[in-house]
Amino acid sequence: MKVAIVTFLLVSLLLSSSFFEPAAAGSSFCDSKCGARCAKAAVQDRCLKYCGICCEKCKCVPSGTYGNKHECPCYRDLKNAKGKPKCP
């Protein structure tokens, strides 16, 4: 009985760790896209922070350093608590 429980826990651990791998790959995607998006931002650290949050949620970042939000409707439609656009 104990062997079955230990085996189940090991299999569960292996399966759950495989779900975290795509998230790590997505962050390098977001880092590079947000780096390009925020290249000309006056407050770079804030731009990178909010761009990263939006990218993780939407899985896309518009091209260029400004505008082009029509390329990513999710990114365009995210709003902050005051109802203003959240994503740079």
Protein backbone atom coordinates (compact mmCIF):
# COMPACT_ATOMS: atom_id res chain seq x y z
CA MET A 1 0.00 0.00 0.00
CA LYS A 2 2.80 2.44 0.88
CA VAL A 3 4.56 1.68 -2.40
CA ALA A 4 1.42 2.62 -4.34
CA ILE A 5 1.11 5.92 -2.48
CA VAL A 6 4.78 6.77 -3.03
CA THR A 7 4.49 5.85 -6.72
CA PHE A 8 1.39 8.00 -7.08
CA LEU A 9 3.12 10.97 -5.45
CA LEU A 10 6.18 10.62 -7.69
CA VAL A 11 4.07 10.42 -10.84
CA SER A 12 2.05 13.45 -9.69
CA LEU A 13 5.22 15.41 -9.07
CA LEU A 14 6.58 14.57 -12.51
CA LEU A 15 3.35 15.51 -14.26
CA SER A 16 2.95 18.78 -12.37
CA SER A 17 6.53 19.83 -13.12
CA SER A 18 5.91 19.39 -16.85
CA PHE A 19 3.13 22.00 -16.66
CA PHE A 20 5.56 24.64 -15.40
CA GLU A 21 7.96 24.27 -18.33
CA PRO A 22 5.85 26.21 -20.91
CA ALA A 23 5.43 29.11 -18.48
CA ALA A 24 9.20 29.46 -18.20
CA ALA A 25 9.53 29.43 -21.98
CA GLY A 26 6.81 32.08 -22.29
CA SER A 27 8.64 34.47 -20.00
CA SER A 28 11.67 34.66 -22.31
CA PHE A 29 9.23 35.42 -25.14
CA CYS A 30 7.69 38.21 -23.06
CA ASP A 31 11.08 39.54 -21.97
CA SER A 32 12.27 39.96 -25.55
CA LYS A 33 8.98 41.37 -26.86
CA CYS A 34 8.61 43.80 -23.95
CA GLY A 35 12.24 44.85 -24.27
CA ALA A 36 11.52 45.92 -27.83
CA ARG A 37 8.15 47.47 -26.91
CA CYS A 38 9.65 49.53 -24.06
CA ALA A 39 12.91 50.50 -25.79
CA LYS A 40 11.96 54.19 -26.03
CA ALA A 41 9.91 54.45 -22.82
CA ALA A 42 10.75 57.32 -20.47
CA VAL A 43 10.13 55.13 -17.39
CA GLN A 44 11.57 51.84 -18.60
CA ASP A 45 11.16 49.74 -15.44
CA ARG A 46 7.44 50.56 -15.17
CA CYS A 47 6.91 49.88 -18.88
CA LEU A 48 8.65 46.50 -18.62
CA LYS A 49 6.65 45.57 -15.51
CA TYR A 50 3.23 46.27 -17.00
CA CYS A 51 4.14 44.95 -20.43
CA GLY A 52 5.28 41.71 -18.78
CA ILE A 53 2.02 41.39 -16.85
CA CYS A 54 -0.01 41.97 -20.01
CA CYS A 55 2.12 39.62 -22.08
CA GLU A 56 1.78 36.78 -19.56
CA LYS A 57 -2.01 37.19 -19.59
CA CYS A 58 -2.46 37.71 -23.33
CA LYS A 59 0.48 35.74 -24.78
CA CYS A 60 1.18 38.55 -27.24
CA VAL A 61 2.70 42.03 -27.45
CA PRO A 62 2.01 44.51 -30.27
CA SER A 63 4.92 45.31 -32.56
CA GLY A 64 6.77 48.61 -32.37
CA THR A 65 7.29 50.94 -29.45
CA TYR A 66 3.87 52.62 -29.57
CA GLY A 67 0.43 51.92 -31.01
CA ASN A 68 -0.38 48.84 -33.10
CA LYS A 69 -2.61 47.54 -30.30
CA HIS A 70 -5.06 46.26 -32.90
CA GLU A 71 -2.60 43.35 -33.38
CA CYS A 72 -3.44 42.04 -29.89
CA PRO A 73 -7.02 42.76 -28.74
CA CYS A 74 -6.48 41.20 -25.29
CA TYR A 75 -3.47 43.47 -24.69
CA ARG A 76 -5.46 46.46 -25.94
CA ASP A 77 -8.52 45.74 -23.77
CA LEU A 78 -6.86 45.21 -20.37
CA LYS A 79 -7.71 48.10 -18.04
CA ASN A 80 -6.41 49.22 -14.65
CA ALA A 81 -8.62 49.91 -11.63
CA LYS A 82 -9.32 53.43 -12.90
CA GLY A 83 -10.53 52.18 -16.27
CA LYS A 84 -7.47 53.37 -18.21
CA PRO A 85 -5.34 51.12 -20.44
CA LYS A 86 -3.07 48.88 -18.37
CA CYS A 87 -0.66 47.85 -21.09
CA PRO A 88 1.99 50.17 -22.58
